Protein backbone atom coordinates (compact mmCIF):
# COMPACT_ATOMS: atom_id res chain seq x y z
CA MET A 1 80.59 79.45 126.58
CA THR A 2 77.26 80.74 127.86
CA ASN A 3 75.12 78.47 125.66
CA SER A 4 75.29 74.98 124.16
CA ILE A 5 76.58 74.13 120.72
CA ASP A 6 73.20 72.79 119.59
CA ASP A 7 71.68 76.13 120.62
CA LEU A 8 73.26 77.70 117.52
CA ALA A 9 70.37 76.32 115.48
CA LYS A 10 68.03 78.68 117.35
CA ALA A 11 69.98 81.88 116.62
CA LYS A 12 68.48 84.47 114.27
CA ALA A 13 71.88 86.06 113.71
CA PHE A 14 75.59 85.39 114.23
CA PHE A 15 78.43 87.81 114.79
CA VAL A 16 81.71 85.96 114.23
CA ILE A 17 84.83 87.92 115.19
CA GLY A 18 88.39 86.66 115.49
CA SER A 19 87.39 83.10 114.61
CA ASN A 20 88.07 81.23 111.38
CA THR A 21 85.33 78.90 112.56
CA THR A 22 85.06 76.47 109.66
CA GLU A 23 88.81 75.70 109.81
CA GLN A 24 89.52 76.01 113.54
CA HIS A 25 86.23 74.56 114.82
CA PRO A 26 84.69 72.81 111.79
CA VAL A 27 81.83 71.12 113.67
CA ILE A 28 80.63 74.46 115.04
CA GLY A 29 81.34 76.12 111.70
CA ALA A 30 79.09 73.60 109.98
CA GLY A 31 76.32 74.42 112.45
CA VAL A 32 76.62 78.12 111.67
CA LYS A 33 76.45 77.44 107.93
CA ARG A 34 73.33 75.28 108.36
CA ALA A 35 71.61 78.04 110.31
CA VAL A 36 72.56 80.68 107.73
CA ARG A 37 71.20 78.52 104.91
CA LYS A 38 67.91 78.42 106.84
CA GLY A 39 67.75 82.19 107.05
CA ALA A 40 69.90 83.35 109.96
CA ALA A 41 71.88 86.54 109.37
CA LEU A 42 75.68 86.41 109.49
CA ILE A 43 78.17 89.19 110.21
CA VAL A 44 81.88 88.34 110.00
CA ALA A 45 84.68 90.53 111.35
CA ASP A 46 88.10 89.26 110.31
CA PRO A 47 91.24 90.72 108.69
CA ARG A 48 91.07 87.84 106.18
CA ARG A 49 88.30 86.80 103.83
CA ILE A 50 87.71 83.50 105.62
CA GLU A 51 85.31 80.86 104.31
CA LEU A 52 82.38 82.11 106.43
CA ALA A 53 82.79 85.57 104.89
CA ARG A 54 81.45 84.17 101.61
CA MET A 55 78.09 83.56 103.31
CA ALA A 56 78.06 86.77 105.34
CA ALA A 57 75.62 89.61 104.82
CA ILE A 58 78.47 91.90 105.89
CA HIS A 59 82.21 91.25 106.16
CA LEU A 60 84.04 93.79 108.32
CA MET A 61 87.65 93.40 107.16
CA HIS A 62 89.36 95.32 109.96
CA ARG A 63 93.05 95.87 110.62
CA PRO A 64 94.66 93.33 112.98
CA GLY A 65 94.61 94.69 116.51
CA SER A 66 91.64 97.05 116.05
CA ASP A 67 88.93 94.77 117.50
CA ILE A 68 88.04 96.98 120.47
CA ALA A 69 87.56 100.04 118.27
CA LEU A 70 85.30 98.04 115.97
CA LEU A 71 83.22 96.64 118.84
CA ASN A 72 82.94 100.06 120.44
CA GLY A 73 81.83 101.49 117.11
CA LEU A 74 79.04 98.93 116.83
CA CYS A 75 77.87 99.71 120.37
CA HIS A 76 78.01 103.45 119.60
CA VAL A 77 75.64 103.06 116.65
CA ILE A 78 73.23 100.82 118.59
CA ILE A 79 72.96 103.36 121.41
CA ARG A 80 72.80 106.39 119.12
CA GLU A 81 69.97 104.86 117.12
CA ASP A 82 68.13 103.69 120.25
CA LEU A 83 68.37 100.00 119.32
CA HIS A 84 69.51 98.69 122.72
CA ASP A 85 67.39 96.57 125.07
CA LYS A 86 66.41 99.09 127.75
CA GLU A 87 64.49 96.59 129.87
CA PHE A 88 67.42 94.17 130.04
CA LEU A 89 69.79 97.02 130.87
CA ALA A 90 67.56 98.34 133.65
CA ASN A 91 66.90 94.97 135.29
CA ARG A 92 70.07 92.97 134.67
CA THR A 93 73.07 95.31 134.33
CA GLU A 94 75.07 98.19 135.80
CA GLY A 95 77.73 100.57 134.50
CA PHE A 96 75.86 101.51 131.32
CA GLU A 97 76.19 105.28 131.69
CA GLU A 98 79.97 105.12 132.16
CA MET A 99 80.32 102.96 129.06
CA LYS A 100 77.96 105.18 127.08
CA ALA A 101 80.07 108.24 127.89
CA LEU A 102 83.21 106.54 126.59
CA LEU A 103 81.47 105.29 123.44
CA GLU A 104 80.54 108.80 122.39
CA GLY A 105 84.07 109.12 121.02
CA TYR A 106 83.73 106.02 118.82
CA THR A 107 81.79 107.48 115.93
CA PRO A 108 81.68 105.44 112.71
CA ALA A 109 84.00 107.98 111.07
CA ARG A 110 86.63 107.67 113.80
CA VAL A 111 86.32 103.88 113.89
CA GLU A 112 86.84 103.79 110.12
CA GLU A 113 90.15 105.64 110.62
CA ILE A 114 91.30 103.09 113.20
CA THR A 115 90.00 99.88 111.63
CA GLY A 116 89.91 100.58 107.90
CA VAL A 117 86.27 99.43 107.80
CA PRO A 118 83.92 101.83 105.95
CA ALA A 119 81.67 103.76 108.33
CA GLU A 120 78.63 102.69 106.34
CA ASP A 121 79.44 99.00 106.91
CA ILE A 122 79.86 99.59 110.64
CA GLN A 123 76.40 101.11 110.79
CA LYS A 124 74.85 98.33 108.72
CA ALA A 125 76.40 95.64 110.91
CA ALA A 126 75.24 97.33 114.12
CA ARG A 127 71.68 97.62 112.84
CA LEU A 128 71.61 94.02 111.65
CA TYR A 129 72.91 92.62 114.95
CA ALA A 130 70.50 94.74 117.01
CA ALA A 131 67.48 93.85 114.85
CA SER A 132 68.07 90.08 114.73
CA ARG A 133 67.32 88.61 118.13
CA PRO A 134 68.33 86.25 119.52
CA ALA A 135 71.87 86.71 118.21
CA ALA A 136 75.00 84.74 119.10
CA ILE A 137 78.56 86.06 119.20
CA LEU A 138 81.39 83.63 118.38
CA TYR A 139 85.04 84.49 118.99
CA SER A 140 88.34 82.72 119.33
CA MET A 141 92.09 83.41 119.48
CA GLY A 142 91.81 86.21 116.95
CA ILE A 143 90.33 88.19 119.83
CA THR A 144 92.34 86.93 122.79
CA GLN A 145 95.88 86.70 121.38
CA HIS A 146 96.55 90.42 121.67
CA ALA A 147 98.07 92.63 124.34
CA SER A 148 94.53 94.04 124.61
CA GLY A 149 92.76 90.67 124.44
CA HIS A 150 91.23 90.84 127.92
CA ALA A 151 89.67 94.22 127.15
CA ALA A 152 88.41 92.94 123.78
CA VAL A 153 86.53 90.12 125.53
CA MET A 154 84.90 92.70 127.80
CA ALA A 155 83.90 94.71 124.71
CA ILE A 156 82.22 91.58 123.33
CA ALA A 157 80.31 91.17 126.60
CA ASN A 158 79.23 94.81 126.31
CA LEU A 159 77.78 94.21 122.85
CA ALA A 160 75.91 91.06 123.92
CA MET A 161 74.41 92.69 127.02
CA LEU A 162 73.55 95.89 125.15
CA CYS A 163 71.03 93.97 123.04
CA GLY A 164 69.90 91.60 125.80
CA ASN A 165 71.42 88.57 124.10
CA ILE A 166 72.41 86.79 127.31
CA GLY A 167 70.56 84.04 129.18
CA MET A 168 68.31 83.03 126.29
CA GLU A 169 68.11 80.26 123.72
CA GLY A 170 69.85 81.19 120.48
CA GLY A 171 71.74 84.08 122.06
CA GLY A 172 74.86 84.17 124.16
CA VAL A 173 78.61 84.41 123.77
CA TYR A 174 80.65 81.51 122.38
CA PRO A 175 84.37 81.62 123.18
CA LEU A 176 85.76 78.78 121.05
CA ARG A 177 88.67 77.11 122.85
CA GLY A 178 91.93 76.19 121.15
CA GLN A 179 92.13 72.51 122.11
CA ASN A 180 89.69 69.81 123.12
CA ASN A 181 90.31 69.95 126.89
CA VAL A 182 91.51 73.52 127.44
CA GLN A 183 88.23 74.16 129.26
CA GLY A 184 88.77 71.17 131.53
CA ALA A 185 92.39 72.08 132.25
CA CYS A 186 91.37 75.61 133.23
CA ASP A 187 88.50 74.25 135.33
CA MET A 188 90.97 72.11 137.26
CA GLY A 189 93.30 74.99 138.11
CA CYS A 190 95.88 74.91 135.30
CA LEU A 191 96.10 78.70 135.53
CA PRO A 192 98.69 80.48 137.67
CA ALA A 193 96.35 82.39 139.99
CA VAL A 194 93.61 79.88 140.79
CA PHE A 195 92.85 76.53 142.35
CA PRO A 196 90.29 74.19 140.70
CA GLY A 197 86.95 75.89 140.11
CA TYR A 198 88.60 79.29 139.56
CA GLN A 199 89.03 79.75 143.31
CA GLN A 200 91.72 82.38 143.83
CA VAL A 201 94.99 81.34 145.50
CA ALA A 202 94.97 84.75 147.22
CA ASN A 203 91.62 83.96 148.88
CA LEU A 204 92.23 82.74 152.43
CA GLU A 205 89.01 80.72 152.65
CA ALA A 206 89.72 78.89 149.39
CA ARG A 207 93.35 78.31 150.29
CA THR A 208 92.43 76.92 153.70
CA LYS A 209 89.98 74.51 152.09
CA PHE A 210 92.59 73.10 149.72
CA GLU A 211 95.28 72.97 152.41
CA LYS A 212 92.98 70.86 154.57
CA ALA A 213 92.08 68.54 151.70
CA TRP A 214 95.63 68.10 150.44
CA GLY A 215 97.48 68.19 153.77
CA VAL A 216 100.05 70.80 152.71
CA SER A 217 100.66 74.52 153.08
CA LEU A 218 99.90 76.47 149.89
CA SER A 219 101.30 79.78 148.71
CA ASP A 220 99.05 82.80 148.31
CA LYS A 221 101.23 84.08 145.45
CA PRO A 222 100.08 83.53 141.84
CA GLY A 223 102.45 81.55 139.69
CA LEU A 224 103.86 82.40 136.26
CA THR A 225 102.32 82.05 132.83
CA VAL A 226 104.21 80.25 130.05
CA VAL A 227 105.87 83.37 128.64
CA GLU A 228 106.76 84.53 132.15
CA MET A 229 108.31 81.12 132.85
CA MET A 230 110.50 81.46 129.76
CA ASN A 231 111.54 84.94 130.84
CA ALA A 232 112.41 83.61 134.30
CA ALA A 233 114.41 80.72 132.82
CA HIS A 234 116.25 83.18 130.58
CA ALA A 235 117.09 85.29 133.64
CA GLY A 236 118.25 82.25 135.63
CA LYS A 237 115.39 82.50 138.14
CA ILE A 238 113.93 79.11 137.16
CA LYS A 239 116.39 76.22 137.19
CA ALA A 240 114.17 73.30 136.20
CA MET A 241 111.06 72.83 134.09
CA TYR A 242 108.56 70.01 133.55
CA ILE A 243 106.74 70.36 130.20
CA MET A 244 103.81 68.07 129.48
CA GLY A 245 101.91 67.82 126.19
CA GLU A 246 103.33 71.11 124.92
CA ASN A 247 105.89 72.03 122.27
CA PRO A 248 106.98 75.59 123.16
CA LEU A 249 109.91 75.50 120.74
CA VAL A 250 107.30 75.80 117.98
CA THR A 251 104.23 77.34 119.61
CA ASP A 252 105.57 80.07 121.93
CA PRO A 253 106.33 83.61 120.73
CA ASP A 254 109.89 84.85 120.11
CA LEU A 255 111.39 81.36 119.73
CA GLN A 256 115.02 82.43 119.94
CA HIS A 257 114.29 83.77 123.42
CA VAL A 258 112.49 80.51 124.30
CA GLU A 259 115.36 78.33 123.10
CA THR A 260 117.92 80.34 125.04
CA GLY A 261 115.81 80.08 128.18
CA LEU A 262 115.31 76.32 127.89
CA LYS A 263 119.03 75.77 127.30
CA LYS A 264 119.85 77.75 130.45
CA LEU A 265 117.87 75.35 132.64
CA ASP A 266 119.77 72.95 134.87
CA PHE A 267 117.13 70.29 134.21
CA LEU A 268 114.33 69.83 131.67
CA ALA A 269 111.78 67.00 131.68
CA VAL A 270 109.37 66.59 128.76
CA GLN A 271 106.32 64.33 128.89
CA ASP A 272 104.80 63.68 125.47
CA ILE A 273 103.68 61.02 123.02
CA PHE A 274 106.06 62.18 120.26
CA PHE A 275 109.70 63.23 120.07
CA THR A 276 109.06 66.95 119.56
CA GLU A 277 111.46 69.83 118.97
CA THR A 278 111.22 70.61 122.69
CA ALA A 279 111.85 66.99 123.67
CA ALA A 280 115.15 67.16 121.78
CA LEU A 281 116.44 69.51 124.52
CA ALA A 282 115.20 67.40 127.44
CA ASP A 283 117.36 65.68 130.05
CA VAL A 284 114.55 63.19 130.66
CA ILE A 285 111.68 62.21 128.36
CA LEU A 286 108.60 60.67 129.95
CA PRO A 287 106.40 58.76 127.46
CA GLY A 288 102.75 59.66 128.03
CA ASN A 289 99.66 58.08 126.53
CA ALA A 290 97.56 59.05 123.51
CA PHE A 291 93.83 59.79 123.57
CA ALA A 292 92.76 56.21 122.78
CA GLU A 293 94.87 54.99 125.70
CA LYS A 294 93.32 57.36 128.24
CA GLN A 295 90.65 56.81 130.87
CA GLY A 296 89.06 59.90 132.39
CA THR A 297 87.16 62.96 131.23
CA PHE A 298 87.39 65.79 128.75
CA THR A 299 85.51 69.06 129.24
CA ASN A 300 84.76 70.71 125.93
CA THR A 301 84.13 74.29 124.91
CA GLU A 302 80.44 74.18 125.93
CA ARG A 303 81.38 73.14 129.51
CA ARG A 304 80.30 69.56 128.82
CA VAL A 305 82.17 67.00 130.92
CA GLN A 306 82.41 63.75 128.95
CA LEU A 307 83.79 60.35 129.84
CA VAL A 308 86.57 58.95 127.67
CA ARG A 309 87.14 55.20 127.83
CA LYS A 310 90.44 53.51 127.17
CA ALA A 311 90.37 51.51 123.94
CA MET A 312 93.90 50.11 124.10
CA GLU A 313 96.91 49.85 126.39
CA PRO A 314 99.80 52.32 126.01
CA PRO A 315 102.78 50.83 124.12
CA GLY A 316 106.17 50.05 125.64
CA GLU A 317 107.06 52.10 128.69
CA ALA A 318 104.32 54.69 128.12
CA ARG A 319 102.01 55.33 131.06
CA SER A 320 98.93 57.38 131.79
CA ASP A 321 99.72 61.02 132.45
CA TRP A 322 98.02 60.97 135.86
CA GLN A 323 100.10 57.96 136.89
CA ILE A 324 103.35 59.68 135.88
CA ILE A 325 102.42 62.87 137.73
CA SER A 326 101.40 60.92 140.83
CA ALA A 327 104.62 58.90 140.84
CA ILE A 328 106.77 62.03 140.60
CA ALA A 329 104.72 63.78 143.29
CA ARG A 330 105.09 60.84 145.68
CA ARG A 331 108.86 60.86 145.28
CA LEU A 332 109.06 64.63 145.76
CA ALA A 333 106.52 65.01 148.57
CA GLY A 334 107.14 61.80 150.48
CA ASP A 335 104.69 61.65 153.36
CA LYS A 336 103.72 65.34 153.02
CA ALA A 337 100.81 64.66 150.68
CA SER A 338 98.68 61.75 149.53
CA TRP A 339 98.79 60.86 145.84
CA GLU A 340 97.42 57.34 146.20
CA TYR A 341 94.70 57.34 143.54
CA ASP A 342 93.61 53.94 142.28
CA ALA A 343 91.81 55.20 139.15
CA PRO A 344 90.70 58.40 137.37
CA ALA A 345 87.28 58.06 139.04
CA ALA A 346 88.92 58.74 142.40
CA ILE A 347 90.50 61.92 141.04
CA MET A 348 87.12 63.06 139.73
CA ALA A 349 85.59 62.39 143.16
CA GLU A 350 88.19 64.67 144.74
CA ALA A 351 87.56 67.32 142.09
CA ALA A 352 83.82 67.17 142.77
CA ALA A 353 84.39 67.56 146.51
CA LEU A 354 86.51 70.70 146.06
CA THR A 355 85.03 72.32 142.94
CA PRO A 356 81.47 73.71 143.29
CA GLN A 357 80.78 73.63 139.54
CA TYR A 358 81.61 69.89 139.46
CA ALA A 359 80.01 68.92 142.79
CA GLY A 360 77.31 66.75 141.22
CA ILE A 361 79.50 65.09 138.58
CA SER A 362 80.88 61.56 138.89
CA HIS A 363 82.10 58.88 136.52
CA GLU A 364 79.01 56.87 137.40
CA ARG A 365 76.72 59.68 136.19
CA LEU A 366 78.86 60.32 133.12
CA GLU A 367 78.37 56.71 132.00
CA LYS A 368 74.88 57.85 130.96
CA GLY A 369 76.11 60.89 129.01
CA GLY A 370 77.93 64.19 129.31
CA ILE A 371 76.95 66.86 131.85
CA GLN A 372 77.40 70.62 131.48
CA TRP A 373 78.63 72.47 134.54
CA PRO A 374 77.65 74.07 136.81
CA CYS A 375 76.19 70.91 138.28
CA PRO A 376 76.04 71.62 142.02
CA SER A 377 74.48 68.37 143.26
CA PRO A 378 74.12 64.69 142.26
CA ASP A 379 70.47 65.21 141.30
CA HIS A 380 71.14 68.36 139.23
CA PRO A 381 70.80 67.86 135.42
CA GLY A 382 73.56 70.31 134.52
CA THR A 383 73.27 73.77 132.98
CA LYS A 384 72.75 74.30 129.26
CA ILE A 385 72.50 78.10 129.36
CA LEU A 386 74.27 80.40 131.81
CA HIS A 387 72.91 83.64 133.32
CA VAL A 388 69.24 82.88 132.61
CA ASP A 389 67.92 84.71 135.68
CA GLN A 390 70.99 86.58 136.88
CA PHE A 391 74.74 86.82 136.39
CA SER A 392 77.14 85.08 138.76
CA ARG A 393 77.96 88.47 140.31
CA GLY A 394 74.31 89.52 140.39
CA LEU A 395 74.19 92.31 137.82
CA GLY A 396 76.10 92.15 134.55
CA LYS A 397 78.76 94.86 134.51
CA PHE A 398 79.41 97.00 131.45
CA SER A 399 83.09 97.85 131.03
CA ALA A 400 84.30 101.09 129.48
CA VAL A 401 87.27 99.82 127.45
CA GLU A 402 89.43 101.95 125.18
CA HIS A 403 91.13 100.90 121.97
CA THR A 404 94.89 100.63 122.41
CA PRO A 405 97.10 100.06 119.37
CA PRO A 406 99.22 96.91 119.10
CA VAL A 407 102.52 96.98 120.97
CA GLU A 408 104.57 96.79 117.77
CA GLN A 409 103.89 99.28 114.99
CA THR A 410 104.97 99.16 111.36
CA ASP A 411 107.59 101.61 110.11
CA ALA A 412 109.83 102.16 107.09
CA GLU A 413 112.08 99.23 108.07
CA TYR A 414 109.27 96.80 108.91
CA PRO A 415 106.30 98.04 106.85
CA LEU A 416 103.96 95.01 106.89
CA ILE A 417 101.75 93.51 109.61
CA LEU A 418 102.17 89.77 110.17
CA THR A 419 99.12 88.04 111.63
CA THR A 420 99.17 84.33 112.45
CA GLY A 421 96.55 81.61 112.59
CA ARG A 422 95.70 78.07 111.56
CA ARG A 423 94.49 76.04 108.62
CA LEU A 424 92.06 73.15 108.45
CA GLN A 425 94.59 70.53 107.35
CA HIS A 426 97.01 70.75 110.30
CA TYR A 427 96.84 71.12 114.06
CA HIS A 428 99.03 73.30 116.26
CA SER A 429 102.75 72.48 115.97
CA GLY A 430 102.01 69.57 113.63
CA SER A 431 103.48 66.90 115.93
CA MET A 432 100.42 64.74 115.17
CA THR A 433 99.13 65.88 111.79
CA HIS A 434 102.51 65.88 110.04
CA ARG A 435 102.51 62.13 110.63
CA VAL A 436 99.38 61.76 108.44
CA ALA A 437 100.32 61.34 104.78
CA GLY A 438 96.95 62.48 103.46
CA LEU A 439 97.09 65.76 105.35
CA ASN A 440 100.65 66.41 104.19
CA THR A 441 99.47 65.88 100.62
CA LEU A 442 96.73 68.46 101.10
CA LEU A 443 99.06 71.01 102.72
CA PRO A 444 102.72 70.00 102.39
CA GLU A 445 104.34 73.31 103.35
CA GLU A 446 103.75 76.80 104.70
CA ARG A 447 102.51 79.39 102.22
CA MET A 448 102.58 83.02 103.31
CA GLU A 449 99.46 84.84 102.15
CA ILE A 450 100.13 88.28 100.68
CA HIS A 451 97.98 90.68 98.68
CA PRO A 452 98.88 90.86 94.95
CA ALA A 453 99.51 94.62 95.20
CA ASP A 454 102.09 94.12 97.95
CA ALA A 455 103.66 91.19 96.11
CA SER A 456 103.95 93.24 92.93
CA SER A 457 105.71 96.08 94.73
CA LEU A 458 108.15 93.56 96.21
CA GLY A 459 108.78 91.75 92.92
CA LEU A 460 107.24 88.51 94.16
CA ALA A 461 105.20 86.06 92.09
CA ASP A 462 102.94 83.27 93.30
CA GLY A 463 105.07 80.32 94.42
CA ASP A 464 108.27 82.33 94.95
CA MET A 465 110.29 81.87 98.11
CA ALA A 466 110.31 84.92 100.37
CA LEU A 467 112.38 85.94 103.37
CA ILE A 468 110.24 87.30 106.21
CA GLU A 469 112.08 89.25 108.93
CA SER A 470 110.99 90.86 112.18
CA ARG A 471 112.96 92.52 114.95
CA ARG A 472 113.41 89.08 116.54
CA GLY A 473 114.18 86.64 113.76
CA GLN A 474 113.66 85.50 110.19
CA VAL A 475 112.10 82.61 108.27
CA LYS A 476 111.65 81.60 104.65
CA SER A 477 108.29 80.69 103.16
CA ARG A 478 106.71 80.10 99.81
CA VAL A 479 104.39 82.91 98.72
CA GLN A 480 100.68 82.65 97.97
CA LEU A 481 99.12 85.66 96.27
CA THR A 482 95.53 86.18 97.38
CA GLU A 483 92.96 88.90 97.87
CA ARG A 484 91.77 87.06 101.00
CA ILE A 485 94.21 89.30 102.87
CA LYS A 486 94.26 93.09 103.13
CA PRO A 487 97.06 95.13 101.53
CA GLY A 488 99.70 95.80 104.16
CA VAL A 489 99.05 92.49 105.95
CA VAL A 490 100.59 89.02 105.52
CA PHE A 491 99.32 85.80 107.07
CA MET A 492 101.16 82.66 108.19
CA THR A 493 100.41 79.62 110.37
CA PHE A 494 102.52 78.04 113.11
CA HIS A 495 101.98 74.46 111.87
CA PHE A 496 105.40 73.98 110.24
CA PRO A 497 108.52 73.81 112.47
CA GLU A 498 110.74 74.25 109.41
CA THR A 499 108.99 77.59 108.80
CA ALA A 500 108.76 78.56 112.45
CA VAL A 501 106.66 81.71 112.28
CA ASN A 502 107.04 82.24 116.02
CA LEU A 503 110.63 83.24 115.42
CA LEU A 504 108.96 86.45 114.23
CA THR A 505 106.19 87.00 116.79
CA ILE A 506 106.48 89.25 119.82
CA ALA A 507 106.17 88.10 123.44
CA ALA A 508 104.28 91.23 124.53
CA LEU A 509 101.62 90.21 127.06
CA ASP A 510 98.11 91.28 127.93
CA PRO A 511 98.51 92.92 131.36
CA VAL A 512 95.61 90.93 132.86
CA ALA A 513 95.33 87.60 131.02
CA LYS A 514 99.09 87.47 130.21
CA ILE A 515 98.34 86.10 126.72
CA PRO A 516 100.99 86.93 124.07
CA GLU A 517 100.27 89.15 121.09
CA TYR A 518 100.55 86.46 118.39
CA LYS A 519 98.28 88.34 115.99
CA VAL A 520 100.34 91.47 115.26
CA ALA A 521 104.05 91.73 114.48
CA ALA A 522 105.84 94.18 112.20
CA VAL A 523 107.81 92.47 109.41
CA ARG A 524 109.54 93.09 106.11
CA VAL A 525 109.36 90.73 103.16
CA THR A 526 111.96 90.32 100.43
CA ARG A 527 112.74 87.72 97.78
CA ALA A 528 114.74 84.86 99.30
CA GLU A 529 118.21 84.36 97.86
């Protein structure tokens, strides 16, 4: 996230795309609503009529998987009508002419054909965004969970730079993360191609630094992503797996493939605070600790590192996650590496020594309040806004990105698009929220959203049970008729293991980010017997 959450109050306009903000990130969603009530303009791009769309000046209800075409269409109009920030482009960016040449093909008329959004609305949205500065762009998994997600993020960066909305209060780009410490986990190297601080494993200088600090030889080969791990397990190339704080038998795409892969393992260890669907397959279950039993830090979506203090001891045999990991590492590594940490503060000290963005952060400093990285030295206050004077690479680079259709297309056999997401009342696989009676009362079961016209043609009434089938599996769900969804599209969440929507989703991956295409799968819907 380039700016801070409280900076939203200074925005003159918001462009929200691929983010059901009030349900997925309600604190940030509330901030957007406050700003809109005070006069800020709001543009929403979403295949569903989400809550924020009610407040929007324009709702661009595009087809799932057409985000890049829509973003390119907006940029086309801004350039054609000479609404772009020429001074910012000249002083702060490169690659504009190459992008401009590509965008010539994204006329509003052509973009309407791809997205289903009227050309007039595309032009209105482009003019409103360009005229309302500073403007903030908010996006989430509705953008990234596509086989073209990486390119879609670059298209968002193009739009922000085109109007000079980078490096200023009230502007910026807000990627809203899926969980409370995803940012921190990524910062600390929980990605297959990087060490902590996004230092590439293929970089000799970085690798040498970590080898010296850790006393071991490190591979220069990137590891596997989650879906790639499941493929490798399925093929017999991975024999053992250690899963911590994750429930892939509910959350991963193409669940039949996942289950087969996990069952082929010689050994599976699961570390969690609940007995999940995945834990049921484990050879060993390691009881971790819940948030109130943790001591350490969380790094949130605005890059703010915050201290969390233990309020209670873990029950029974449960232990802190870092203690479990350290104990296993000591038994595996023996004298090859040192894992003798006495407290989370010592781990943070090591992270600060090896991670430039965290160099000035310590538990002692965090006792006085959170710090936003980059914080390169102990006397540095942290960084609220990124790219104020220049980008990390010097000049911001425009990227000429083409629209590519989703991997799976509808046809006569599977005529509907399934898109997946979340609801306010439950969280992820439901391992926590399904244990809260009040939340189960509010949303006791999955309800597949379908447009009344589609339901009528299928002979379905509100509340009926439907059978939803894809090329990979089938589930049953109760039906909810609503005009929140476009004709030809149905919507389901992944919160309910008994209605495991990821039996239907496809494990097609973005070629760069390796994120699965959760947001588009071809399905057919019939009345359940």
